[in-house]
Amino acid sequence: MTGPRFALAVAATLLATPVLATQGFAQDYPTKPVRIVVPFGAGGPADVTARLLGNILQDKFGQPFVIENRTGAGGVIGTVEAVKSPPDGYTLLMMSNTQTANESLMPQRKYELMRDLVPIAPVNYSDLVIVVHPSVPAKTLAEFIALAKSQPGKLNYASSGQGTPYHMAGELFKSMAGIDIVHVPYRNSGEARSGVIGGQVQMMIDAVTTMAPNVGEGQVRALATTGKTRSSVLPNVPTASEAGVPGYEATIWLGLMAPAGTPRPIIDKLNAAVNEAVKRPEIVKLWAEQGAVPMSMTPEEFDKYLRGDIVKWANVVKQFADKPQ
């Protein structure tokens, strides 16, 4: 075959080659270790969940899924590490509503979430719990609010950094309760947790999944949880809405993203694997015992969810949150 027909055939082959190569690459993926960047400290919900999910994916795909904690700047340092990585499916980001809040809370960051990363799948969400050190003379949330109002600016609350769910939940609580308490940002949730357990700060709003054991051991006193209904792991603790702040609600959710440009077949392969993992009966049971609830979406659904969360927190930041430090 020669002439125009030959030229058209060659052109069609050349156009199809990248698509076929990408599909073949995705079928073989992964052929080497995959890195999951966790922009938060060891021992927190994101770290624990990433390690559990990494083990499941490693068993499924036969390649190591290595967890790499890159902490600092309210999750920005780890996010930048993922953003600048090759878009080949071998670097993933375990993220949370920290990243969606940072879109408005930290305007000087060197990336845009929905431009520089692509959604893979959500993983789970959990309620938070409002706790105080046992030395605080408040047995209920209403008593803590009254105490804070009697001493404006004297009480402190810990978080794992600017823009984290614990910080945003704290600012929302301050506004809705009409109190003035001081935000003390730590480098990660583990240090913040130690701060309130050690009595360096009076209060913290932390994930039920990580703080419930400390409540059970009497290291902190739980005043309220932050969901619409009572937590299954702390059923005797009232919700904040029940305890004196009507309508207050806050959660922490986790999800996976990848650098923009990661081939769509790889995104789809990972999405299917994550959705299958979070629906496993043993995982559902484990998370229920810890106070976490699985989430399952397509990449498009997760994209919509992320964009909605960005708008939600932009409104909160505009009205309530501290200015970036």
C-alpha atoms as a PDB file:
ATOM      1  CA  MET A   1       0.000   0.000   0.000  1.00  0.00           C
ATOM      2  CA  THR A   2       1.378   3.377  -1.029  1.00  0.00           C
ATOM      3  CA  GLY A   3       0.209   6.939  -1.458  1.00  0.00           C
ATOM      4  CA  PRO A   4      -2.509   8.632   0.620  1.00  0.00           C
ATOM      5  CA  ARG A   5      -3.861   5.366   2.025  1.00  0.00           C
ATOM      6  CA  PHE A   6      -0.432   4.410   3.343  1.00  0.00           C
ATOM      7  CA  ALA A   7       0.045   7.845   4.900  1.00  0.00           C
ATOM      8  CA  LEU A   8      -3.354   7.624   6.623  1.00  0.00           C
ATOM      9  CA  ALA A   9      -2.547   4.144   7.954  1.00  0.00           C
ATOM     10  CA  VAL A  10       0.787   5.313   9.350  1.00  0.00           C
ATOM     11  CA  ALA A  11      -0.866   8.348  10.969  1.00  0.00           C
ATOM     12  CA  ALA A  12      -3.561   6.196  12.559  1.00  0.00           C
ATOM     13  CA  THR A  13      -0.948   3.821  13.931  1.00  0.00           C
ATOM     14  CA  LEU A  14       1.074   6.668  15.405  1.00  0.00           C
ATOM     15  CA  LEU A  15      -2.012   8.177  17.042  1.00  0.00           C
ATOM     16  CA  ALA A  16      -3.053   4.855  18.533  1.00  0.00           C
ATOM     17  CA  THR A  17       0.407   3.963  19.856  1.00  0.00           C
ATOM     18  CA  PRO A  18       0.368   6.246  22.972  1.00  0.00           C
ATOM     19  CA  VAL A  19      -3.089   4.983  23.926  1.00  0.00           C
ATOM     20  CA  LEU A  20      -2.091   1.348  23.541  1.00  0.00           C
ATOM     21  CA  ALA A  21       1.157   1.978  25.410  1.00  0.00           C
ATOM     22  CA  THR A  22      -0.689   3.638  28.290  1.00  0.00           C
ATOM     23  CA  GLN A  23      -3.205   0.806  28.486  1.00  0.00           C
ATOM     24  CA  GLY A  24      -0.445  -1.775  28.469  1.00  0.00           C
ATOM     25  CA  PHE A  25       1.486   0.153  31.114  1.00  0.00           C
ATOM     26  CA  ALA A  26      -1.605   0.262  33.318  1.00  0.00           C
ATOM     27  CA  GLN A  27      -2.226  -3.453  32.915  1.00  0.00           C
ATOM     28  CA  ASP A  28       1.282  -4.193  34.191  1.00  0.00           C
ATOM     29  CA  TYR A  29       1.148  -1.515  36.938  1.00  0.00           C
ATOM     30  CA  PRO A  30       2.696  -1.616  39.437  1.00  0.00           C
ATOM     31  CA  THR A  31       6.035  -3.145  38.508  1.00  0.00           C
ATOM     32  CA  LYS A  32       7.988  -1.547  41.371  1.00  0.00           C
ATOM     33  CA  PRO A  33       7.334  -0.117  44.855  1.00  0.00           C
ATOM     34  CA  VAL A  34       4.689   2.612  45.164  1.00  0.00           C
ATOM     35  CA  ARG A  35       5.185   5.491  47.571  1.00  0.00           C
ATOM     36  CA  ILE A  36       2.265   6.892  49.591  1.00  0.00           C
ATOM     37  CA  VAL A  37       3.203  10.317  50.921  1.00  0.00           C
ATOM     38  CA  VAL A  38       1.463  11.091  54.218  1.00  0.00           C
ATOM     39  CA  PRO A  39       1.778  14.821  54.988  1.00  0.00           C
ATOM     40  CA  PHE A  40       0.990  14.203  58.661  1.00  0.00           C
ATOM     41  CA  GLY A  41       2.793  12.641  61.609  1.00  0.00           C
ATOM     42  CA  ALA A  42       3.111   8.997  62.573  1.00  0.00           C
ATOM     43  CA  GLY A  43       0.304   7.575  64.681  1.00  0.00           C
ATOM     44  CA  GLY A  44      -2.436   9.904  63.441  1.00  0.00           C
ATOM     45  CA  PRO A  45      -5.528   8.812  61.485  1.00  0.00           C
ATOM     46  CA  ALA A  46      -3.970   9.440  58.063  1.00  0.00           C
ATOM     47  CA  ASP A  47      -0.795   7.539  58.923  1.00  0.00           C
ATOM     48  CA  VAL A  48      -2.615   4.570  60.468  1.00  0.00           C
ATOM     49  CA  THR A  49      -5.088   4.377  57.583  1.00  0.00           C
ATOM     50  CA  ALA A  50      -2.371   4.713  54.943  1.00  0.00           C
ATOM     51  CA  ARG A  51      -0.421   1.827  56.470  1.00  0.00           C
ATOM     52  CA  LEU A  52      -3.487  -0.407  56.606  1.00  0.00           C
ATOM     53  CA  LEU A  53      -4.451   0.448  53.033  1.00  0.00           C
ATOM     54  CA  GLY A  54      -0.851   0.071  51.872  1.00  0.00           C
ATOM     55  CA  ASN A  55      -0.724  -3.468  53.233  1.00  0.00           C
ATOM     56  CA  ILE A  56      -3.944  -4.382  51.430  1.00  0.00           C
ATOM     57  CA  LEU A  57      -2.733  -2.916  48.131  1.00  0.00           C
ATOM     58  CA  GLN A  58       0.632  -4.629  48.526  1.00  0.00           C
ATOM     59  CA  ASP A  59      -1.090  -7.987  48.932  1.00  0.00           C
ATOM     60  CA  LYS A  60      -3.294  -7.295  45.927  1.00  0.00           C
ATOM     61  CA  PHE A  61      -0.637  -6.057  43.520  1.00  0.00           C
ATOM     62  CA  GLY A  62       2.452  -7.888  44.767  1.00  0.00           C
ATOM     63  CA  GLN A  63       4.536  -4.728  45.110  1.00  0.00           C
ATOM     64  CA  PRO A  64       5.420  -2.776  48.282  1.00  0.00           C
ATOM     65  CA  PHE A  65       3.334   0.321  49.058  1.00  0.00           C
ATOM     66  CA  VAL A  66       5.773   2.332  51.158  1.00  0.00           C
ATOM     67  CA  ILE A  67       4.491   4.976  53.590  1.00  0.00           C
ATOM     68  CA  GLU A  68       6.555   8.163  53.719  1.00  0.00           C
ATOM     69  CA  ASN A  69       5.674  10.772  56.358  1.00  0.00           C
ATOM     70  CA  ARG A  70       6.482  14.308  55.178  1.00  0.00           C
ATOM     71  CA  THR A  71       5.159  16.569  57.908  1.00  0.00           C
ATOM     72  CA  GLY A  72       5.060  20.303  58.411  1.00  0.00           C
ATOM     73  CA  ALA A  73       3.302  23.519  57.426  1.00  0.00           C
ATOM     74  CA  GLY A  74      -0.160  22.110  58.035  1.00  0.00           C
ATOM     75  CA  GLY A  75       0.230  19.382  55.425  1.00  0.00           C
ATOM     76  CA  VAL A  76       1.724  21.655  52.755  1.00  0.00           C
ATOM     77  CA  ILE A  77       5.234  20.137  52.746  1.00  0.00           C
ATOM     78  CA  GLY A  78       4.009  16.626  52.043  1.00  0.00           C
ATOM     79  CA  THR A  79       1.514  17.837  49.473  1.00  0.00           C
ATOM     80  CA  VAL A  80       4.244  19.711  47.583  1.00  0.00           C
ATOM     81  CA  GLU A  81       6.356  16.543  47.630  1.00  0.00           C
ATOM     82  CA  ALA A  82       3.552  14.673  45.889  1.00  0.00           C
ATOM     83  CA  VAL A  83       2.830  17.495  43.441  1.00  0.00           C
ATOM     84  CA  LYS A  84       6.427  17.638  42.189  1.00  0.00           C
ATOM     85  CA  SER A  85       6.704  13.858  41.752  1.00  0.00           C
ATOM     86  CA  PRO A  86       6.489  12.166  38.323  1.00  0.00           C
ATOM     87  CA  PRO A  87       2.876  11.460  37.267  1.00  0.00           C
ATOM     88  CA  ASP A  88       3.472   7.764  36.764  1.00  0.00           C
ATOM     89  CA  GLY A  89       1.381   6.215  39.526  1.00  0.00           C
ATOM     90  CA  TYR A  90       4.353   5.516  41.772  1.00  0.00           C
ATOM     91  CA  THR A  91       3.749   8.463  44.110  1.00  0.00           C
ATOM     92  CA  LEU A  92       0.348   8.866  45.785  1.00  0.00           C
ATOM     93  CA  LEU A  93      -0.853  11.347  48.405  1.00  0.00           C
ATOM     94  CA  MET A  94      -2.904  10.398  51.457  1.00  0.00           C
ATOM     95  CA  MET A  95      -4.828  13.598  52.038  1.00  0.00           C
ATOM     96  CA  SER A  96      -7.701  14.927  54.139  1.00  0.00           C
ATOM     97  CA  ASN A  97      -9.896  17.972  54.577  1.00  0.00           C
ATOM     98  CA  THR A  98      -6.656  19.683  55.621  1.00  0.00           C
ATOM     99  CA  GLN A  99      -5.847  20.033  51.928  1.00  0.00           C
ATOM    100  CA  THR A 100      -9.276  21.405  50.997  1.00  0.00           C
ATOM    101  CA  ALA A 101      -9.142  23.922  53.863  1.00  0.00           C
ATOM    102  CA  ASN A 102      -5.633  25.018  52.880  1.00  0.00           C
ATOM    103  CA  GLU A 103      -6.928  26.154  49.489  1.00  0.00           C
ATOM    104  CA  SER A 104      -8.311  29.268  51.196  1.00  0.00           C
ATOM    105  CA  LEU A 105      -6.446  29.300  54.511  1.00  0.00           C
ATOM    106  CA  MET A 106      -2.961  29.267  52.962  1.00  0.00           C
ATOM    107  CA  PRO A 107      -3.068  31.355  49.767  1.00  0.00           C
ATOM    108  CA  GLN A 108       0.746  31.450  49.500  1.00  0.00           C
ATOM    109  CA  ARG A 109       1.148  27.688  49.035  1.00  0.00           C
ATOM    110  CA  LYS A 110       3.006  26.657  45.846  1.00  0.00           C
ATOM    111  CA  TYR A 111       0.285  24.468  44.336  1.00  0.00           C
ATOM    112  CA  GLU A 112      -3.430  24.311  43.585  1.00  0.00           C
ATOM    113  CA  LEU A 113      -5.087  21.124  44.732  1.00  0.00           C
ATOM    114  CA  MET A 114      -7.442  20.550  41.792  1.00  0.00           C
ATOM    115  CA  ARG A 115      -4.917  21.724  39.195  1.00  0.00           C
ATOM    116  CA  ASP A 116      -1.807  19.888  40.357  1.00  0.00           C
ATOM    117  CA  LEU A 117      -3.338  16.672  41.686  1.00  0.00           C
ATOM    118  CA  VAL A 118      -6.048  14.308  40.473  1.00  0.00           C
ATOM    119  CA  PRO A 119      -8.542  12.406  42.670  1.00  0.00           C
ATOM    120  CA  ILE A 120      -8.256   8.643  43.039  1.00  0.00           C
ATOM    121  CA  ALA A 121     -10.717   7.716  45.786  1.00  0.00           C
ATOM    122  CA  PRO A 122     -11.879   8.650  49.282  1.00  0.00           C
ATOM    123  CA  VAL A 123     -11.122   6.158  52.052  1.00  0.00           C
ATOM    124  CA  ASN A 124     -13.068   6.872  55.237  1.00  0.00           C
ATOM    125  CA  TYR A 125     -14.349   9.497  57.633  1.00  0.00           C
ATOM    126  CA  SER A 126     -14.759   9.716  61.391  1.00  0.00           C
ATOM    127  CA  ASP A 127     -16.247  12.031  63.971  1.00  0.00           C
ATOM    128  CA  LEU A 128     -14.096  14.084  66.318  1.00  0.00           C
ATOM    129  CA  VAL A 129     -14.220  14.308  70.095  1.00  0.00           C
ATOM    130  CA  ILE A 130     -13.804  17.411  72.267  1.00  0.00           C
ATOM    131  CA  VAL A 131     -11.561  16.553  75.218  1.00  0.00           C
ATOM    132  CA  VAL A 132      -9.981  18.434  78.107  1.00  0.00           C
ATOM    133  CA  HIS A 133      -7.175  17.643  80.511  1.00  0.00           C
ATOM    134  CA  PRO A 134      -8.549  16.192  83.783  1.00  0.00           C
ATOM    135  CA  SER A 135      -7.329  19.274  85.691  1.00  0.00           C
ATOM    136  CA  VAL A 136      -9.804  21.486  83.842  1.00  0.00           C
ATOM    137  CA  PRO A 137     -12.718  22.213  86.231  1.00  0.00           C
ATOM    138  CA  ALA A 138     -15.420  21.471  83.672  1.00  0.00           C
ATOM    139  CA  LYS A 139     -17.328  18.205  83.606  1.00  0.00           C
ATOM    140  CA  THR A 140     -19.591  19.083  80.657  1.00  0.00           C
ATOM    141  CA  LEU A 141     -19.310  21.071  77.451  1.00  0.00           C
ATOM    142  CA  ALA A 142     -21.651  23.717  78.839  1.00  0.00           C
ATOM    143  CA  GLU A 143     -19.392  24.095  81.880  1.00  0.00           C
ATOM    144  CA  PHE A 144     -16.316  24.423  79.645  1.00  0.00           C
ATOM    145  CA  ILE A 145     -18.010  27.130  77.581  1.00  0.00           C
ATOM    146  CA  ALA A 146     -18.964  28.990  80.779  1.00  0.00           C
ATOM    147  CA  LEU A 147     -15.380  28.665  82.038  1.00  0.00           C
ATOM    148  CA  ALA A 148     -13.969  29.997  78.766  1.00  0.00           C
ATOM    149  CA  LYS A 149     -16.381  32.940  78.804  1.00  0.00           C
ATOM    150  CA  SER A 150     -15.284  33.803  82.330  1.00  0.00           C
ATOM    151  CA  GLN A 151     -11.613  33.781  81.265  1.00  0.00           C
ATOM    152  CA  PRO A 152     -11.449  35.098  77.673  1.00  0.00           C
ATOM    153  CA  GLY A 153      -8.116  34.373  76.007  1.00  0.00           C
ATOM    154  CA  LYS A 154      -6.824  32.352  78.976  1.00  0.00           C
ATOM    155  CA  LEU A 155      -7.574  28.785  77.833  1.00  0.00           C
ATOM    156  CA  ASN A 156      -5.715  27.046  74.993  1.00  0.00           C
ATOM    157  CA  TYR A 157      -6.620  24.340  72.500  1.00  0.00           C
ATOM    158  CA  ALA A 158      -4.209  22.155  70.561  1.00  0.00           C
ATOM    159  CA  SER A 159      -4.225  21.147  66.907  1.00  0.00           C
ATOM    160  CA  SER A 160      -1.867  19.406  64.515  1.00  0.00           C
ATOM    161  CA  GLY A 161      -1.300  22.648  62.606  1.00  0.00           C
ATOM    162  CA  GLN A 162      -2.902  25.403  60.581  1.00  0.00           C
ATOM    163  CA  GLY A 163      -5.679  24.198  58.303  1.00  0.00           C
ATOM    164  CA  THR A 164      -5.962  20.711  59.780  1.00  0.00           C
ATOM    165  CA  PRO A 165      -9.445  19.391  60.608  1.00  0.00           C
ATOM    166  CA  TYR A 166      -8.685  19.853  64.306  1.00  0.00           C
ATOM    167  CA  HIS A 167      -7.807  23.520  63.804  1.00  0.00           C
ATOM    168  CA  MET A 168     -10.826  24.211  61.636  1.00  0.00           C
ATOM    169  CA  ALA A 169     -13.123  22.351  64.022  1.00  0.00           C
ATOM    170  CA  GLY A 170     -11.695  24.442  66.870  1.00  0.00           C
ATOM    171  CA  GLU A 171     -12.305  27.728  65.078  1.00  0.00           C
ATOM    172  CA  LEU A 172     -15.836  26.701  64.180  1.00  0.00           C
ATOM    173  CA  PHE A 173     -16.445  25.699  67.808  1.00  0.00           C
ATOM    174  CA  LYS A 174     -15.100  29.037  69.076  1.00  0.00           C
ATOM    175  CA  SER A 175     -17.412  30.950  66.794  1.00  0.00           C
ATOM    176  CA  MET A 176     -20.540  28.909  67.411  1.00  0.00           C
ATOM    177  CA  ALA A 177     -19.977  28.795  71.195  1.00  0.00           C
ATOM    178  CA  GLY A 178     -19.063  32.478  71.376  1.00  0.00           C
ATOM    179  CA  ILE A 179     -15.807  31.926  73.266  1.00  0.00           C
ATOM    180  CA  ASP A 180     -12.219  33.181  73.027  1.00  0.00           C
ATOM    181  CA  ILE A 181      -9.684  30.371  73.397  1.00  0.00           C
ATOM    182  CA  VAL A 182      -6.165  30.414  71.946  1.00  0.00           C
ATOM    183  CA  HIS A 183      -5.053  28.100  69.132  1.00  0.00           C
ATOM    184  CA  VAL A 184      -1.752  26.289  69.816  1.00  0.00           C
ATOM    185  CA  PRO A 185      -0.586  24.557  66.615  1.00  0.00           C
ATOM    186  CA  TYR A 186       1.739  21.573  66.963  1.00  0.00           C
ATOM    187  CA  ARG A 187       3.757  19.882  64.203  1.00  0.00           C
ATOM    188  CA  ASN A 188       1.509  16.824  64.108  1.00  0.00           C
ATOM    189  CA  SER A 189      -1.475  15.258  65.826  1.00  0.00           C
ATOM    190  CA  GLY A 190       0.673  13.021  68.031  1.00  0.00           C
ATOM    191  CA  GLU A 191       2.423  16.019  69.573  1.00  0.00           C
ATOM    192  CA  ALA A 192      -0.882  17.876  69.956  1.00  0.00           C
ATOM    193  CA  ARG A 193      -2.381  14.840  71.653  1.00  0.00           C
ATOM    194  CA  SER A 194       0.592  14.645  74.016  1.00  0.00           C
ATOM    195  CA  GLY A 195       0.157  18.343  74.744  1.00  0.00           C
ATOM    196  CA  VAL A 196      -3.370  17.943  76.068  1.00  0.00           C
ATOM    197  CA  ILE A 197      -2.645  14.629  77.822  1.00  0.00           C
ATOM    198  CA  GLY A 198       0.344  16.266  79.518  1.00  0.00           C
ATOM    199  CA  GLY A 199      -1.654  19.341  80.501  1.00  0.00           C
ATOM    200  CA  GLN A 200       0.379  21.848  78.449  1.00  0.00           C
ATOM    201  CA  VAL A 201      -2.901  22.841  76.766  1.00  0.00           C
ATOM    202  CA  GLN A 202      -6.371  22.545  78.220  1.00  0.00           C
ATOM    203  CA  MET A 203      -8.423  21.276  75.279  1.00  0.00           C
ATOM    204  CA  MET A 204      -8.247  19.522  71.917  1.00  0.00           C
ATOM    205  CA  ILE A 205     -10.682  18.389  69.249  1.00  0.00           C
ATOM    206  CA  ASP A 206      -9.253  15.126  67.931  1.00  0.00           C
ATOM    207  CA  ALA A 207     -10.367  12.156  65.846  1.00  0.00           C
ATOM    208  CA  VAL A 208     -12.436   9.623  67.769  1.00  0.00           C
ATOM    209  CA  THR A 209     -10.359   6.857  66.168  1.00  0.00           C
ATOM    210  CA  THR A 210      -7.161   8.005  67.898  1.00  0.00           C
ATOM    211  CA  MET A 211      -8.372   9.759  71.075  1.00  0.00           C
ATOM    212  CA  ALA A 212     -10.982   7.243  72.294  1.00  0.00           C
ATOM    213  CA  PRO A 213      -8.367   4.975  73.973  1.00  0.00           C
ATOM    214  CA  ASN A 214      -7.014   7.965  75.915  1.00  0.00           C
ATOM    215  CA  VAL A 215     -10.561   8.774  77.045  1.00  0.00           C
ATOM    216  CA  GLY A 216     -10.992   5.190  78.197  1.00  0.00           C
ATOM    217  CA  GLU A 217      -7.766   5.319  80.198  1.00  0.00           C
ATOM    218  CA  GLY A 218      -8.794   8.553  81.924  1.00  0.00           C
ATOM    219  CA  GLN A 219      -5.928  10.569  80.451  1.00  0.00           C
ATOM    220  CA  VAL A 220      -8.438  13.116  79.129  1.00  0.00           C
ATOM    221  CA  ARG A 221     -12.091  13.887  79.782  1.00  0.00           C
ATOM    222  CA  ALA A 222     -14.485  13.709  76.827  1.00  0.00           C
ATOM    223  CA  LEU A 223     -17.047  16.518  76.781  1.00  0.00           C
ATOM    224  CA  ALA A 224     -18.737  15.895  73.416  1.00  0.00           C
ATOM    225  CA  THR A 225     -18.402  14.262  70.022  1.00  0.00           C
ATOM    226  CA  THR A 226     -18.926  16.168  66.790  1.00  0.00           C
ATOM    227  CA  GLY A 227     -21.172  14.018  64.606  1.00  0.00           C
ATOM    228  CA  LYS A 228     -24.883  14.257  63.957  1.00  0.00           C
ATOM    229  CA  THR A 229     -25.425  11.253  66.226  1.00  0.00           C
ATOM    230  CA  ARG A 230     -23.480   9.793  69.133  1.00  0.00           C
ATOM    231  CA  SER A 231     -20.314   7.861  68.369  1.00  0.00           C
ATOM    232  CA  SER A 232     -20.533   4.084  68.495  1.00  0.00           C
ATOM    233  CA  VAL A 233     -17.211   3.959  70.359  1.00  0.00           C
ATOM    234  CA  LEU A 234     -18.152   6.661  72.904  1.00  0.00           C
ATOM    235  CA  PRO A 235     -21.910   6.119  73.238  1.00  0.00           C
ATOM    236  CA  ASN A 236     -22.140   7.749  76.670  1.00  0.00           C
ATOM    237  CA  VAL A 237     -20.645  11.011  75.427  1.00  0.00           C
ATOM    238  CA  PRO A 238     -23.226  13.476  74.067  1.00  0.00           C
ATOM    239  CA  THR A 239     -22.855  15.208  70.717  1.00  0.00           C
ATOM    240  CA  ALA A 240     -21.838  18.857  70.794  1.00  0.00           C
ATOM    241  CA  SER A 241     -25.268  19.714  69.465  1.00  0.00           C
ATOM    242  CA  GLU A 242     -26.845  17.898  72.430  1.00  0.00           C
ATOM    243  CA  ALA A 243     -24.371  19.352  74.920  1.00  0.00           C
ATOM    244  CA  GLY A 244     -24.859  23.053  74.260  1.00  0.00           C
ATOM    245  CA  VAL A 245     -23.777  24.038  70.725  1.00  0.00           C
ATOM    246  CA  PRO A 246     -26.813  23.321  68.515  1.00  0.00           C
ATOM    247  CA  GLY A 247     -25.953  22.515  64.908  1.00  0.00           C
ATOM    248  CA  TYR A 248     -22.230  22.042  65.504  1.00  0.00           C
ATOM    249  CA  GLU A 249     -20.775  19.268  63.330  1.00  0.00           C
ATOM    250  CA  ALA A 250     -17.234  18.403  62.215  1.00  0.00           C
ATOM    251  CA  THR A 251     -15.482  15.340  60.823  1.00  0.00           C
ATOM    252  CA  ILE A 252     -12.143  14.233  59.437  1.00  0.00           C
ATOM    253  CA  TRP A 253     -12.088  12.364  56.125  1.00  0.00           C
ATOM    254  CA  LEU A 254      -9.222  10.779  54.218  1.00  0.00           C
ATOM    255  CA  GLY A 255      -8.586  10.111  50.540  1.00  0.00           C
ATOM    256  CA  LEU A 256      -5.978   9.407  47.879  1.00  0.00           C
ATOM    257  CA  MET A 257      -4.787  11.685  45.082  1.00  0.00           C
ATOM    258  CA  ALA A 258      -1.981  11.479  42.509  1.00  0.00           C
ATOM    259  CA  PRO A 259       0.081  14.035  40.585  1.00  0.00           C
ATOM    260  CA  ALA A 260      -1.782  15.611  37.676  1.00  0.00           C
ATOM    261  CA  GLY A 261      -1.047  13.760  34.443  1.00  0.00           C
ATOM    262  CA  THR A 262      -1.086  10.305  36.012  1.00  0.00           C
ATOM    263  CA  PRO A 263      -2.549   8.013  33.299  1.00  0.00           C
ATOM    264  CA  ARG A 264      -6.289   7.537  33.695  1.00  0.00           C
ATOM    265  CA  PRO A 265      -6.081   3.723  33.430  1.00  0.00           C
ATOM    266  CA  ILE A 266      -3.831   3.732  36.511  1.00  0.00           C
ATOM    267  CA  ILE A 267      -6.237   6.034  38.368  1.00  0.00           C
ATOM    268  CA  ASP A 268      -9.089   3.672  37.505  1.00  0.00           C
ATOM    269  CA  LYS A 269      -7.093   0.629  38.597  1.00  0.00           C
ATOM    270  CA  LEU A 270      -6.275   2.207  41.954  1.00  0.00           C
ATOM    271  CA  ASN A 271      -9.837   3.469  42.407  1.00  0.00           C
ATOM    272  CA  ALA A 272     -11.220  -0.023  41.925  1.00  0.00           C
ATOM    273  CA  ALA A 273      -8.671  -1.495  44.337  1.00  0.00           C
ATOM    274  CA  VAL A 274      -9.357   1.096  47.059  1.00  0.00           C
ATOM    275  CA  ASN A 275     -13.130   0.760  46.707  1.00  0.00           C
ATOM    276  CA  GLU A 276     -12.810  -3.010  46.990  1.00  0.00           C
ATOM    277  CA  ALA A 277     -10.558  -2.684  50.041  1.00  0.00           C
ATOM    278  CA  VAL A 278     -12.815  -0.377  52.052  1.00  0.00           C
ATOM    279  CA  LYS A 279     -15.814  -2.662  51.469  1.00  0.00           C
ATOM    280  CA  ARG A 280     -14.115  -5.762  52.867  1.00  0.00           C
ATOM    281  CA  PRO A 281     -16.148  -7.034  55.846  1.00  0.00           C
ATOM    282  CA  GLU A 282     -13.091  -7.242  58.096  1.00  0.00           C
ATOM    283  CA  ILE A 283     -12.145  -3.624  57.279  1.00  0.00           C
ATOM    284  CA  VAL A 284     -15.701  -2.366  57.816  1.00  0.00           C
ATOM    285  CA  LYS A 285     -15.777  -4.182  61.175  1.00  0.00           C
ATOM    286  CA  LEU A 286     -12.349  -2.891  62.230  1.00  0.00           C
ATOM    287  CA  TRP A 287     -13.186   0.712  61.396  1.00  0.00           C
ATOM    288  CA  ALA A 288     -16.591   0.457  63.086  1.00  0.00           C
ATOM    289  CA  GLU A 289     -14.814  -0.588  66.274  1.00  0.00           C
ATOM    290  CA  GLN A 290     -12.565   2.471  65.933  1.00  0.00           C
ATOM    291  CA  GLY A 291     -15.311   4.921  64.966  1.00  0.00           C
ATOM    292  CA  ALA A 292     -14.513   5.260  61.250  1.00  0.00           C
ATOM    293  CA  VAL A 293     -16.899   4.827  58.306  1.00  0.00           C
ATOM    294  CA  PRO A 294     -15.766   3.665  54.823  1.00  0.00           C
ATOM    295  CA  MET A 295     -16.255   5.965  51.823  1.00  0.00           C
ATOM    296  CA  SER A 296     -16.554   4.761  48.226  1.00  0.00           C
ATOM    297  CA  MET A 297     -16.727   6.929  45.075  1.00  0.00           C
ATOM    298  CA  THR A 298     -15.634   7.043  41.448  1.00  0.00           C
ATOM    299  CA  PRO A 299     -12.850   9.511  40.593  1.00  0.00           C
ATOM    300  CA  GLU A 300     -15.499  11.868  39.167  1.00  0.00           C
ATOM    301  CA  GLU A 301     -17.604  11.674  42.321  1.00  0.00           C
ATOM    302  CA  PHE A 302     -14.556  12.290  44.490  1.00  0.00           C
ATOM    303  CA  ASP A 303     -13.621  15.264  42.302  1.00  0.00           C
ATOM    304  CA  LYS A 304     -17.052  16.793  42.914  1.00  0.00           C
ATOM    305  CA  TYR A 305     -16.786  16.041  46.636  1.00  0.00           C
ATOM    306  CA  LEU A 306     -13.394  17.762  46.860  1.00  0.00           C
ATOM    307  CA  ARG A 307     -14.581  20.874  45.042  1.00  0.00           C
ATOM    308  CA  GLY A 308     -17.589  21.117  47.339  1.00  0.00           C
ATOM    309  CA  ASP A 309     -15.389  20.755  50.417  1.00  0.00           C
ATOM    310  CA  ILE A 310     -13.095  23.527  49.170  1.00  0.00           C
ATOM    311  CA  VAL A 311     -16.086  25.868  48.952  1.00  0.00           C
ATOM    312  CA  LYS A 312     -17.348  24.776  52.379  1.00  0.00           C
ATOM    313  CA  TRP A 313     -14.068  25.534  54.130  1.00  0.00           C
ATOM    314  CA  ALA A 314     -13.553  28.765  52.190  1.00  0.00           C
ATOM    315  CA  ASN A 315     -16.745  30.012  53.797  1.00  0.00           C
ATOM    316  CA  VAL A 316     -15.570  28.897  57.236  1.00  0.00           C
ATOM    317  CA  VAL A 317     -12.149  30.503  56.770  1.00  0.00           C
ATOM    318  CA  LYS A 318     -13.712  33.753  55.605  1.00  0.00           C
ATOM    319  CA  GLN A 319     -15.905  34.007  58.676  1.00  0.00           C
ATOM    320  CA  PHE A 320     -14.137  32.242  61.510  1.00  0.00           C
ATOM    321  CA  ALA A 321     -10.587  30.981  61.034  1.00  0.00           C
ATOM    322  CA  ASP A 322      -7.312  32.517  62.183  1.00  0.00           C
ATOM    323  CA  LYS A 323      -5.192  34.282  59.604  1.00  0.00           C
ATOM    324  CA  PRO A 324      -2.196  32.192  58.428  1.00  0.00           C
ATOM    325  CA  GLN A 325       0.740  32.424  60.794  1.00  0.00           C
END
